[in-house]
Structures are given as structure tokens and as C-alpha cells.
């Protein structure tokens, strides 16, 4: 008996091939030289297939990055902060993992490309912030809120500002390539920031 081809499965395979191709190519040739035509050729699809789902190469790359983040979580990554009762240790563990990701070529090229594209494309930048950045920032805020409720942070601590104080210098150093990203650097950031908002002494 002849089976009818599963169009949904074929569509999913094509989307996956396109996202994989975009991630691979941006690492190989950089964002400026990345093209829809090249993505289509690598994925083995027609470029009109890509344009049916995405309006630009930046939009393809954003969905590819979202998929990559989802795979990292499914592969054993955490979806929330550790809560050992030691806020400094928990923040240091998460920021060390962030440094490892920034230093991984698999994540670095698409992240830099999206940061650059989002700076010149307001719509893409808004989607990048809403879908990729805000969920991550919310995890930081939730952990800090728990610490504040437990009396470990000053009652008037601005949670979002504290998150930005932790991540702002890290992101700036990474984007501008000012110096290597190291665990020692993120540990120092945590100690400095918590020293300003903590109700307890940071060792």
C-alpha cells in the first residue's frame, strides 16, 4: 500500500536543515558574507522555501539561535538558577557557564551577528530582546528576588539594575573584545556588585 508523503515531517526536516546551515555558515564566513542563497544551497532547499518562513537572513539566524538555546537546555542545561542558599556562589556558577558559552565558537558567531543586526534593525532587535534576552534576564531577577525576600539583599534593591550591573560589563568586554573573558573576571563582578547591595558580607 502506497503511503502519502508526510508534508509536515518534510517541512520540519527542511526547517531544521536551514537552521543548521545558517549556524554553520555564520561561523565559517561571518554575518556580512552570509546570504540566503548560501543557506539554501547548504540546506539543499530553494531560496523561496526560506523566504516562505523568514523575511531575512537575520530572522533565520534568530530562530536558529533560539533553537540552539533550546537544545542546550534539553541536553542538560538548567532552566532556572541553582539555589544553594549561597547567592554569590550561585551567581558565579551561572556567570562562569555564560563565559564558557561566549567563548564557544558554536555560540559566539551567531550571538555576535544577532547583536550587530539587532542594532540596525529595530524590529529584529525587539524580537531578539523579547524571545532570547528577556527570558534569561528574568531568571536572574527571580534568583535575586528570592535572596531579597530572604533578607540577603537590601530591601530597596533594584533587581533589574542589579542584573544589568552583573551582565553589562561582561557583555561590553565580550562585544568590544577588550580583554579575555575568564571565570576570575566574573567572580570579581559578582563580589563587587553584591558588595553594593548585600545585607551580608561577601567572602
N, C-alpha and C. Protein backbone atom coordinates (compact mmCIF):
# COMPACT_ATOMS: atom_id res chain seq x y z
N UNK A 1 0.85 -1.19 0.00
CA UNK A 1 0.00 0.00 0.00
C UNK A 1 0.88 1.24 0.00
N UNK A 2 0.65 2.16 -0.91
CA UNK A 2 1.46 3.36 -1.02
C UNK A 2 1.03 4.38 0.02
N UNK A 3 2.02 4.87 0.77
CA UNK A 3 1.72 5.87 1.79
C UNK A 3 1.83 7.28 1.22
N UNK A 4 0.95 8.14 1.69
CA UNK A 4 1.01 9.54 1.29
C UNK A 4 2.18 10.21 2.00
N UNK A 5 3.04 10.95 1.30
CA UNK A 5 4.17 11.61 1.94
C UNK A 5 3.70 12.53 3.06
N UNK A 6 4.43 12.51 4.15
CA UNK A 6 4.10 13.35 5.31
C UNK A 6 4.70 14.74 5.08
N UNK A 7 3.86 15.68 4.66
CA UNK A 7 4.34 17.03 4.34
C UNK A 7 4.87 17.74 5.58
N UNK A 8 4.24 17.48 6.72
CA UNK A 8 4.68 18.12 7.96
C UNK A 8 6.09 17.68 8.33
N UNK A 9 6.33 16.38 8.22
CA UNK A 9 7.67 15.86 8.54
C UNK A 9 8.71 16.41 7.58
N UNK A 10 8.35 16.46 6.30
CA UNK A 10 9.27 17.00 5.30
C UNK A 10 9.55 18.48 5.59
N UNK A 11 8.52 19.23 5.99
CA UNK A 11 8.69 20.64 6.32
C UNK A 11 9.60 20.81 7.53
N UNK A 12 9.42 19.98 8.53
CA UNK A 12 10.27 20.05 9.73
C UNK A 12 11.73 19.76 9.39
N UNK A 13 11.94 18.78 8.53
CA UNK A 13 13.31 18.45 8.12
C UNK A 13 13.95 19.62 7.39
N UNK A 14 13.16 20.28 6.53
CA UNK A 14 13.69 21.42 5.78
C UNK A 14 14.04 22.57 6.72
N UNK A 15 13.16 22.87 7.66
CA UNK A 15 13.43 23.94 8.62
C UNK A 15 14.68 23.65 9.43
N UNK A 16 14.81 22.41 9.87
CA UNK A 16 15.98 22.04 10.66
C UNK A 16 17.25 22.17 9.84
N UNK A 17 17.19 21.75 8.58
CA UNK A 17 18.36 21.86 7.70
C UNK A 17 18.74 23.32 7.48
N UNK A 18 17.74 24.18 7.33
CA UNK A 18 18.00 25.61 7.12
C UNK A 18 18.64 26.23 8.36
N UNK A 19 18.11 25.93 9.53
CA UNK A 19 18.66 26.50 10.77
C UNK A 19 20.09 26.01 11.00
N UNK A 20 20.32 24.72 10.77
CA UNK A 20 21.67 24.18 10.92
C UNK A 20 22.63 24.83 9.94
N UNK A 21 22.17 25.03 8.72
CA UNK A 21 23.02 25.65 7.69
C UNK A 21 23.37 27.08 8.08
N UNK A 22 22.41 27.83 8.59
CA UNK A 22 22.66 29.21 8.99
C UNK A 22 23.71 29.29 10.09
N UNK A 23 23.59 28.42 11.09
CA UNK A 23 24.56 28.42 12.20
C UNK A 23 25.95 28.04 11.71
N UNK A 24 26.02 27.05 10.85
CA UNK A 24 27.32 26.61 10.35
C UNK A 24 27.98 27.70 9.50
N UNK A 25 27.20 28.30 8.62
CA UNK A 25 27.76 29.28 7.69
C UNK A 25 28.18 30.57 8.37
N UNK A 26 27.43 31.03 9.36
CA UNK A 26 27.81 32.28 10.01
C UNK A 26 29.13 32.11 10.75
N UNK A 27 29.40 30.89 11.20
CA UNK A 27 30.68 30.62 11.84
C UNK A 27 31.81 30.53 10.83
N UNK A 28 31.49 30.10 9.62
CA UNK A 28 32.52 29.93 8.59
C UNK A 28 32.85 31.22 7.84
N UNK A 29 31.82 31.99 7.49
CA UNK A 29 32.05 33.15 6.62
C UNK A 29 31.73 34.48 7.29
N UNK A 30 31.11 34.46 8.46
CA UNK A 30 30.74 35.70 9.12
C UNK A 30 29.39 36.20 8.64
N UNK A 31 28.81 37.14 9.39
CA UNK A 31 27.46 37.60 9.09
C UNK A 31 27.39 38.40 7.78
N UNK A 32 28.37 39.24 7.54
CA UNK A 32 28.33 40.10 6.35
C UNK A 32 28.31 39.31 5.05
N UNK A 33 29.00 38.17 5.05
CA UNK A 33 29.07 37.36 3.83
C UNK A 33 28.01 36.25 3.80
N UNK A 34 27.24 36.16 4.84
CA UNK A 34 26.16 35.18 4.88
C UNK A 34 25.02 35.63 3.97
N UNK A 35 24.51 34.72 3.15
CA UNK A 35 23.41 35.06 2.25
C UNK A 35 22.33 33.99 2.32
N UNK A 36 21.12 34.39 1.93
CA UNK A 36 20.03 33.43 1.84
C UNK A 36 20.36 32.35 0.83
N UNK A 37 20.99 32.76 -0.28
CA UNK A 37 21.36 31.78 -1.32
C UNK A 37 22.31 30.73 -0.78
N UNK A 38 23.28 31.16 0.02
CA UNK A 38 24.24 30.22 0.57
C UNK A 38 23.57 29.28 1.58
N UNK A 39 22.67 29.82 2.39
CA UNK A 39 21.95 28.99 3.35
C UNK A 39 21.11 27.94 2.62
N UNK A 40 20.43 28.39 1.56
CA UNK A 40 19.59 27.47 0.79
C UNK A 40 20.43 26.36 0.17
N UNK A 41 21.58 26.73 -0.40
CA UNK A 41 22.44 25.73 -1.04
C UNK A 41 22.94 24.72 -0.01
N UNK A 42 23.37 25.20 1.16
CA UNK A 42 23.88 24.29 2.20
C UNK A 42 22.77 23.38 2.72
N UNK A 43 21.56 23.93 2.83
CA UNK A 43 20.45 23.14 3.36
C UNK A 43 19.81 22.23 2.33
N UNK A 44 20.12 22.47 1.04
CA UNK A 44 19.53 21.65 -0.01
C UNK A 44 18.08 22.00 -0.30
N UNK A 45 17.76 23.29 -0.17
CA UNK A 45 16.40 23.73 -0.46
C UNK A 45 16.47 24.94 -1.41
N UNK A 46 15.34 25.31 -1.96
CA UNK A 46 15.28 26.52 -2.78
C UNK A 46 15.19 27.74 -1.88
N UNK A 47 15.71 28.87 -2.36
CA UNK A 47 15.68 30.06 -1.50
C UNK A 47 14.26 30.53 -1.24
N UNK A 48 13.32 30.22 -2.13
CA UNK A 48 11.93 30.60 -1.88
C UNK A 48 11.35 29.85 -0.69
N UNK A 49 11.89 28.67 -0.43
CA UNK A 49 11.48 27.93 0.77
C UNK A 49 11.83 28.71 2.01
N UNK A 50 13.02 29.32 2.01
CA UNK A 50 13.44 30.13 3.16
C UNK A 50 12.57 31.38 3.28
N UNK A 51 12.35 32.05 2.17
CA UNK A 51 11.56 33.29 2.21
C UNK A 51 10.10 33.03 2.58
N UNK A 52 9.65 31.80 2.44
CA UNK A 52 8.28 31.48 2.85
C UNK A 52 8.14 31.55 4.37
N UNK A 53 9.26 31.31 5.09
CA UNK A 53 9.21 31.29 6.55
C UNK A 53 9.89 32.49 7.20
N UNK A 54 10.88 33.08 6.53
CA UNK A 54 11.65 34.16 7.14
C UNK A 54 11.83 35.31 6.14
N UNK A 55 11.80 36.55 6.63
CA UNK A 55 11.96 37.69 5.73
C UNK A 55 13.40 38.06 5.44
N UNK A 56 14.35 37.54 6.23
CA UNK A 56 15.74 37.95 6.08
C UNK A 56 16.66 36.91 6.69
N UNK A 57 17.95 37.06 6.40
CA UNK A 57 18.93 36.14 6.99
C UNK A 57 19.03 36.34 8.49
N UNK A 58 18.81 37.57 8.97
CA UNK A 58 18.86 37.83 10.40
C UNK A 58 17.74 37.09 11.12
N UNK A 59 16.56 37.04 10.51
CA UNK A 59 15.44 36.33 11.11
C UNK A 59 15.71 34.83 11.16
N UNK A 60 16.35 34.30 10.11
CA UNK A 60 16.74 32.88 10.11
C UNK A 60 17.70 32.63 11.27
N UNK A 61 18.67 33.51 11.42
CA UNK A 61 19.70 33.34 12.44
C UNK A 61 19.11 33.43 13.85
N UNK A 62 18.13 34.29 14.04
CA UNK A 62 17.49 34.40 15.35
C UNK A 62 16.78 33.10 15.71
N UNK A 63 16.02 32.55 14.77
CA UNK A 63 15.34 31.28 15.04
C UNK A 63 16.34 30.15 15.25
N UNK A 64 17.45 30.20 14.53
CA UNK A 64 18.49 29.19 14.71
C UNK A 64 19.08 29.30 16.11
N UNK A 65 19.28 30.51 16.59
CA UNK A 65 19.84 30.72 17.92
C UNK A 65 18.86 30.29 19.00
N UNK A 66 17.58 30.57 18.79
CA UNK A 66 16.56 30.12 19.74
C UNK A 66 16.53 28.59 19.80
N UNK A 67 16.66 27.97 18.65
CA UNK A 67 16.69 26.51 18.60
C UNK A 67 17.92 25.97 19.31
N UNK A 68 19.05 26.65 19.11
CA UNK A 68 20.29 26.23 19.75
C UNK A 68 20.17 26.33 21.27
N UNK A 69 19.55 27.41 21.75
CA UNK A 69 19.35 27.58 23.19
C UNK A 69 18.45 26.48 23.73
N UNK A 70 17.42 26.14 22.97
CA UNK A 70 16.52 25.08 23.40
C UNK A 70 17.20 23.73 23.46
N UNK A 71 18.08 23.47 22.51
CA UNK A 71 18.82 22.21 22.52
C UNK A 71 19.77 22.14 23.72
N UNK A 72 20.37 23.28 24.08
CA UNK A 72 21.27 23.30 25.22
C UNK A 72 20.53 22.95 26.50
N UNK A 73 19.30 23.47 26.66
CA UNK A 73 18.50 23.17 27.84
C UNK A 73 18.09 21.70 27.83
N UNK A 74 17.67 21.21 26.66
CA UNK A 74 17.25 19.81 26.57
C UNK A 74 18.41 18.86 26.80
N UNK A 75 19.62 19.33 26.53
CA UNK A 75 20.80 18.49 26.70
C UNK A 75 21.34 18.48 28.11
N UNK A 76 20.59 19.07 29.04
CA UNK A 76 21.04 19.03 30.42
C UNK A 76 21.31 20.40 31.01
N UNK A 77 21.13 21.44 30.20
CA UNK A 77 21.32 22.79 30.73
C UNK A 77 20.21 23.13 31.71
N UNK A 78 20.47 24.12 32.57
CA UNK A 78 19.47 24.48 33.56
C UNK A 78 18.47 25.46 32.97
N UNK A 79 17.25 25.45 33.50
CA UNK A 79 16.22 26.38 33.07
C UNK A 79 15.92 27.38 34.18
N UNK A 80 16.61 27.28 35.28
CA UNK A 80 16.47 28.21 36.38
C UNK A 80 17.78 28.28 37.12
N UNK A 81 17.89 29.23 38.03
CA UNK A 81 19.14 29.36 38.77
C UNK A 81 19.26 28.26 39.82
N UNK A 82 20.49 27.85 40.11
CA UNK A 82 20.66 27.00 41.28
C UNK A 82 20.36 27.83 42.52
N UNK A 83 19.85 27.22 43.55
CA UNK A 83 19.57 27.93 44.79
C UNK A 83 20.12 27.10 45.94
N UNK A 84 21.40 27.31 46.20
CA UNK A 84 22.06 26.57 47.27
C UNK A 84 21.98 27.28 48.61
N UNK A 85 21.41 28.49 48.57
CA UNK A 85 21.40 29.32 49.77
C UNK A 85 22.56 30.29 49.79
N UNK A 86 23.52 30.08 48.89
CA UNK A 86 24.69 30.96 48.77
C UNK A 86 24.55 31.73 47.47
N UNK A 87 24.04 32.95 47.55
CA UNK A 87 23.75 33.73 46.34
C UNK A 87 25.01 33.97 45.52
N UNK A 88 26.10 34.35 46.17
CA UNK A 88 27.33 34.63 45.43
C UNK A 88 27.79 33.40 44.66
N UNK A 89 27.76 32.25 45.30
CA UNK A 89 28.20 31.02 44.64
C UNK A 89 27.29 30.68 43.47
N UNK A 90 25.99 30.89 43.65
CA UNK A 90 25.04 30.58 42.57
C UNK A 90 25.27 31.50 41.36
N UNK A 91 25.44 32.80 41.62
CA UNK A 91 25.68 33.74 40.53
C UNK A 91 27.00 33.44 39.82
N UNK A 92 28.02 33.11 40.59
CA UNK A 92 29.32 32.80 39.99
C UNK A 92 29.22 31.56 39.10
N UNK A 93 28.47 30.56 39.53
CA UNK A 93 28.32 29.34 38.74
C UNK A 93 27.66 29.63 37.40
N UNK A 94 26.60 30.46 37.44
CA UNK A 94 25.87 30.77 36.21
C UNK A 94 26.71 31.66 35.28
N UNK A 95 27.38 32.66 35.84
CA UNK A 95 28.19 33.54 35.00
C UNK A 95 29.42 32.82 34.43
N UNK A 96 29.97 31.88 35.17
CA UNK A 96 31.06 31.07 34.62
C UNK A 96 30.56 30.28 33.41
N UNK A 97 29.36 29.72 33.52
CA UNK A 97 28.79 28.98 32.39
C UNK A 97 28.53 29.91 31.21
N UNK A 98 28.13 31.15 31.50
CA UNK A 98 27.92 32.14 30.44
C UNK A 98 29.22 32.45 29.72
N UNK A 99 30.30 32.61 30.48
CA UNK A 99 31.61 32.85 29.89
C UNK A 99 32.02 31.68 28.99
N UNK A 100 31.79 30.48 29.45
CA UNK A 100 32.14 29.30 28.65
C UNK A 100 31.37 29.30 27.33
N UNK A 101 30.10 29.74 27.38
CA UNK A 101 29.29 29.79 26.17
C UNK A 101 29.79 30.89 25.23
N UNK A 102 30.09 32.05 25.78
CA UNK A 102 30.61 33.15 24.95
C UNK A 102 31.92 32.77 24.28
N UNK A 103 32.70 31.95 24.94
CA UNK A 103 34.00 31.54 24.40
C UNK A 103 33.90 30.33 23.47
N UNK A 104 32.71 29.79 23.30
CA UNK A 104 32.48 28.63 22.43
C UNK A 104 32.11 29.13 21.04
N UNK A 105 32.88 28.76 20.03
CA UNK A 105 32.63 29.22 18.66
C UNK A 105 31.23 28.90 18.18
N UNK A 106 30.67 27.82 18.67
CA UNK A 106 29.33 27.42 18.25
C UNK A 106 28.30 28.49 18.58
N UNK A 107 28.49 29.16 19.71
CA UNK A 107 27.54 30.19 20.15
C UNK A 107 28.00 31.60 19.80
N UNK A 108 29.32 31.80 19.76
CA UNK A 108 29.85 33.15 19.62
C UNK A 108 29.45 33.82 18.30
N UNK A 109 29.66 33.13 17.18
CA UNK A 109 29.40 33.75 15.87
C UNK A 109 27.94 34.18 15.71
N UNK A 110 26.96 33.31 15.98
CA UNK A 110 25.57 33.76 15.83
C UNK A 110 25.19 34.85 16.83
N UNK A 111 25.74 34.79 18.04
CA UNK A 111 25.41 35.81 19.04
C UNK A 111 25.93 37.17 18.61
N UNK A 112 27.16 37.23 18.11
CA UNK A 112 27.71 38.50 17.64
C UNK A 112 26.92 39.01 16.43
N UNK A 113 26.55 38.12 15.54
CA UNK A 113 25.81 38.52 14.35
C UNK A 113 24.45 39.11 14.73
N UNK A 114 23.76 38.48 15.67
CA UNK A 114 22.46 38.97 16.08
C UNK A 114 22.57 40.31 16.81
N UNK A 115 23.62 40.47 17.60
CA UNK A 115 23.82 41.73 18.30
C UNK A 115 24.01 42.86 17.30
N UNK A 116 24.79 42.60 16.26
CA UNK A 116 25.03 43.61 15.23
C UNK A 116 23.78 43.89 14.41
N UNK A 117 23.08 42.84 14.02
CA UNK A 117 21.88 43.02 13.20
C UNK A 117 20.78 43.73 13.99
N UNK A 118 20.65 43.37 15.25
CA UNK A 118 19.61 43.98 16.08
C UNK A 118 19.84 45.46 16.31
N UNK A 119 21.11 45.89 16.25
CA UNK A 119 21.43 47.30 16.46
C UNK A 119 20.95 48.17 15.30
N UNK A 120 20.80 47.60 14.13
CA UNK A 120 20.39 48.38 12.95
C UNK A 120 18.98 48.02 12.46
N UNK A 121 18.39 46.98 13.02
CA UNK A 121 17.05 46.56 12.64
C UNK A 121 16.18 46.56 13.90
N UNK A 122 15.43 47.64 14.17
CA UNK A 122 14.65 47.75 15.40
C UNK A 122 13.68 46.59 15.63
N UNK A 123 13.03 46.13 14.57
CA UNK A 123 12.06 45.05 14.72
C UNK A 123 12.76 43.76 15.14
N UNK A 124 13.88 43.46 14.49
CA UNK A 124 14.63 42.27 14.84
C UNK A 124 15.19 42.41 16.26
N UNK A 125 15.71 43.61 16.58
CA UNK A 125 16.25 43.83 17.92
C UNK A 125 15.21 43.62 18.99
N UNK A 126 13.98 44.06 18.73
CA UNK A 126 12.90 43.89 19.70
C UNK A 126 12.56 42.42 19.89
N UNK A 127 12.55 41.67 18.79
CA UNK A 127 12.25 40.24 18.88
C UNK A 127 13.39 39.49 19.58
N UNK A 128 14.62 39.89 19.28
CA UNK A 128 15.79 39.30 19.93
C UNK A 128 15.71 39.51 21.44
N UNK A 129 15.36 40.72 21.85
CA UNK A 129 15.24 41.02 23.27
C UNK A 129 14.11 40.24 23.92
N UNK A 130 12.95 40.24 23.26
CA UNK A 130 11.77 39.60 23.84
C UNK A 130 11.92 38.09 23.96
N UNK A 131 12.45 37.46 22.92
CA UNK A 131 12.44 36.00 22.88
C UNK A 131 13.71 35.36 23.43
N UNK A 132 14.83 36.06 23.36
CA UNK A 132 16.08 35.43 23.78
C UNK A 132 16.64 36.05 25.06
N UNK A 133 16.65 37.38 25.12
CA UNK A 133 17.28 38.03 26.27
C UNK A 133 16.38 38.10 27.50
N UNK A 134 15.14 38.55 27.33
CA UNK A 134 14.27 38.75 28.48
C UNK A 134 14.04 37.47 29.30
N UNK A 135 13.83 36.31 28.67
CA UNK A 135 13.67 35.10 29.48
C UNK A 135 14.90 34.80 30.33
N UNK A 136 16.09 35.11 29.81
CA UNK A 136 17.31 34.88 30.58
C UNK A 136 17.43 35.88 31.72
N UNK A 137 17.12 37.15 31.44
CA UNK A 137 17.19 38.17 32.47
C UNK A 137 16.20 37.88 33.59
N UNK A 138 15.04 37.34 33.22
CA UNK A 138 14.02 37.01 34.22
C UNK A 138 14.52 35.96 35.20
N UNK A 139 15.36 35.05 34.74
CA UNK A 139 15.91 34.03 35.64
C UNK A 139 16.83 34.66 36.68
N UNK A 140 17.63 35.61 36.25
CA UNK A 140 18.49 36.34 37.20
C UNK A 140 17.63 37.07 38.22
N UNK A 141 16.62 37.77 37.74
CA UNK A 141 15.77 38.55 38.63
C UNK A 141 15.07 37.65 39.65
N UNK A 142 14.60 36.49 39.20
CA UNK A 142 13.91 35.58 40.11
C UNK A 142 14.83 35.12 41.23
N UNK A 143 16.09 34.82 40.89
CA UNK A 143 17.03 34.36 41.93
C UNK A 143 17.35 35.50 42.90
N UNK A 144 17.53 36.71 42.38
CA UNK A 144 17.80 37.85 43.24
C UNK A 144 16.60 38.19 44.11
N UNK A 145 15.41 38.00 43.58
CA UNK A 145 14.20 38.27 44.36
C UNK A 145 14.11 37.32 45.55
N UNK A 146 14.44 36.06 45.32
CA UNK A 146 14.45 35.08 46.41
C UNK A 146 15.43 35.50 47.50
N UNK A 147 16.61 35.98 47.06
CA UNK A 147 17.62 36.41 48.02
C UNK A 147 17.15 37.65 48.78
N UNK A 148 16.50 38.57 48.08
CA UNK A 148 16.00 39.78 48.74
C UNK A 148 14.92 39.44 49.75
N UNK A 149 14.01 38.52 49.36
CA UNK A 149 12.95 38.11 50.27
C UNK A 149 13.50 37.41 51.51
N UNK A 150 14.67 36.77 51.34
CA UNK A 150 15.29 36.08 52.47
C UNK A 150 16.14 37.02 53.33
N UNK A 151 16.18 38.30 52.95
CA UNK A 151 16.93 39.27 53.73
C UNK A 151 18.41 39.33 53.40
N UNK A 152 18.81 38.69 52.30
CA UNK A 152 20.22 38.68 51.92
C UNK A 152 20.62 39.93 51.14
N UNK A 153 19.63 40.58 50.56
CA UNK A 153 19.86 41.84 49.84
C UNK A 153 19.10 42.95 50.53
N UNK A 154 19.57 44.16 50.33
CA UNK A 154 18.88 45.32 50.90
C UNK A 154 17.44 45.36 50.38
N UNK A 155 16.48 45.74 51.22
CA UNK A 155 15.06 45.73 50.82
C UNK A 155 14.76 46.59 49.60
N UNK A 156 15.54 47.66 49.41
CA UNK A 156 15.27 48.56 48.28
C UNK A 156 16.10 48.21 47.04
N UNK A 157 16.68 47.02 47.02
CA UNK A 157 17.50 46.62 45.87
C UNK A 157 16.67 46.60 44.59
N UNK A 158 17.15 47.30 43.58
CA UNK A 158 16.52 47.30 42.25
C UNK A 158 17.03 46.05 41.51
N UNK A 159 16.15 45.09 41.33
CA UNK A 159 16.57 43.79 40.79
C UNK A 159 17.08 43.90 39.35
N UNK A 160 16.36 44.63 38.49
CA UNK A 160 16.79 44.74 37.11
C UNK A 160 18.12 45.48 37.00
N UNK A 161 18.26 46.53 37.79
CA UNK A 161 19.53 47.28 37.77
C UNK A 161 20.68 46.39 38.22
N UNK A 162 20.43 45.56 39.22
CA UNK A 162 21.49 44.66 39.71
C UNK A 162 21.88 43.65 38.64
N UNK A 163 20.88 43.12 37.92
CA UNK A 163 21.18 42.20 36.82
C UNK A 163 22.02 42.90 35.76
N UNK A 164 21.66 44.13 35.42
CA UNK A 164 22.40 44.87 34.40
C UNK A 164 23.82 45.19 34.87
N UNK A 165 23.98 45.41 36.17
CA UNK A 165 25.32 45.65 36.70
C UNK A 165 26.20 44.40 36.60
N UNK A 166 25.57 43.24 36.67
CA UNK A 166 26.31 41.98 36.53
C UNK A 166 26.64 41.68 35.07
N UNK A 167 25.65 41.85 34.21
CA UNK A 167 25.82 41.42 32.82
C UNK A 167 26.36 42.50 31.90
N UNK A 168 26.14 43.77 32.25
CA UNK A 168 26.59 44.85 31.39
C UNK A 168 28.10 44.83 31.14
N UNK A 169 28.93 44.82 32.19
CA UNK A 169 30.38 44.80 31.97
C UNK A 169 30.85 43.56 31.22
N UNK A 170 30.21 42.42 31.52
CA UNK A 170 30.58 41.17 30.86
C UNK A 170 30.29 41.26 29.36
N UNK A 171 29.09 41.73 29.02
CA UNK A 171 28.72 41.84 27.61
C UNK A 171 29.58 42.86 26.88
N UNK A 172 29.87 43.97 27.54
CA UNK A 172 30.69 45.01 26.92
C UNK A 172 32.10 44.50 26.63
N UNK A 173 32.68 43.81 27.58
CA UNK A 173 34.03 43.26 27.36
C UNK A 173 34.02 42.27 26.21
N UNK A 174 32.97 41.48 26.12
CA UNK A 174 32.87 40.48 25.06
C UNK A 174 32.65 41.13 23.69
N UNK A 175 31.70 42.06 23.63
CA UNK A 175 31.40 42.69 22.34
C UNK A 175 32.58 43.48 21.79
N UNK A 176 33.26 44.22 22.66
CA UNK A 176 34.35 45.09 22.24
C UNK A 176 35.70 44.37 22.21
N UNK A 177 35.72 43.12 22.66
CA UNK A 177 36.96 42.33 22.71
C UNK A 177 38.04 43.08 23.50
N UNK A 178 37.67 43.66 24.60
CA UNK A 178 38.62 44.45 25.39
C UNK A 178 39.65 43.59 26.10
N UNK A 179 39.22 42.40 26.52
CA UNK A 179 40.10 41.50 27.26
C UNK A 179 39.46 40.12 27.28
N UNK A 180 40.22 39.09 27.60
CA UNK A 180 39.64 37.75 27.65
C UNK A 180 38.55 37.65 28.70
N UNK A 181 37.55 36.83 28.42
CA UNK A 181 36.53 36.52 29.41
C UNK A 181 36.99 35.32 30.22
N UNK A 182 37.08 35.49 31.51
CA UNK A 182 37.56 34.43 32.38
C UNK A 182 36.63 34.25 33.56
N UNK A 183 36.76 33.11 34.22
CA UNK A 183 35.98 32.88 35.43
C UNK A 183 36.40 33.85 36.53
N UNK A 184 37.67 34.19 36.57
CA UNK A 184 38.14 35.12 37.59
C UNK A 184 37.45 36.48 37.43
N UNK A 185 37.25 36.88 36.19
CA UNK A 185 36.60 38.17 35.92
C UNK A 185 35.15 38.16 36.40
N UNK A 186 34.40 37.10 36.08
CA UNK A 186 33.00 37.06 36.50
C UNK A 186 32.89 36.93 38.02
N UNK A 187 33.81 36.20 38.63
CA UNK A 187 33.79 36.10 40.09
C UNK A 187 33.98 37.48 40.72
N UNK A 188 34.89 38.26 40.15
CA UNK A 188 35.14 39.61 40.67
C UNK A 188 33.91 40.49 40.48
N UNK A 189 33.22 40.35 39.35
CA UNK A 189 32.00 41.12 39.11
C UNK A 189 30.96 40.82 40.19
N UNK A 190 30.75 39.55 40.45
CA UNK A 190 29.76 39.16 41.46
C UNK A 190 30.11 39.76 42.81
N UNK A 191 31.36 39.65 43.21
CA UNK A 191 31.78 40.18 44.51
C UNK A 191 31.57 41.69 44.60
N UNK A 192 31.92 42.40 43.54
CA UNK A 192 31.77 43.85 43.53
C UNK A 192 30.31 44.27 43.59
N UNK A 193 29.48 43.64 42.75
CA UNK A 193 28.08 44.02 42.69
C UNK A 193 27.37 43.67 43.99
N UNK A 194 27.57 42.47 44.48
CA UNK A 194 26.90 42.09 45.73
C UNK A 194 27.41 42.90 46.91
N UNK A 195 28.65 43.35 46.82
CA UNK A 195 29.18 44.20 47.88
C UNK A 195 28.39 45.48 48.03
N UNK A 196 27.73 45.91 46.95
CA UNK A 196 26.97 47.15 46.99
C UNK A 196 25.51 46.97 47.39
N UNK A 197 24.97 45.74 47.25
CA UNK A 197 23.54 45.55 47.50
C UNK A 197 23.25 44.52 48.60
N UNK A 198 24.28 43.84 49.07
CA UNK A 198 24.08 42.76 50.01
C UNK A 198 23.91 43.23 51.44
N UNK A 199 23.12 42.49 52.19
CA UNK A 199 22.97 42.73 53.62
C UNK A 199 23.95 41.88 54.43
N UNK A 200 24.73 41.06 53.70
CA UNK A 200 25.71 40.21 54.37
C UNK A 200 27.06 40.43 53.70
N UNK A 201 28.11 40.04 54.38
CA UNK A 201 29.45 40.19 53.84
C UNK A 201 29.71 39.14 52.78
N UNK A 202 30.26 39.58 51.63
CA UNK A 202 30.62 38.66 50.55
C UNK A 202 32.06 38.26 50.72
N UNK A 203 32.32 36.95 50.86
CA UNK A 203 33.71 36.47 51.03
C UNK A 203 34.45 36.54 49.71
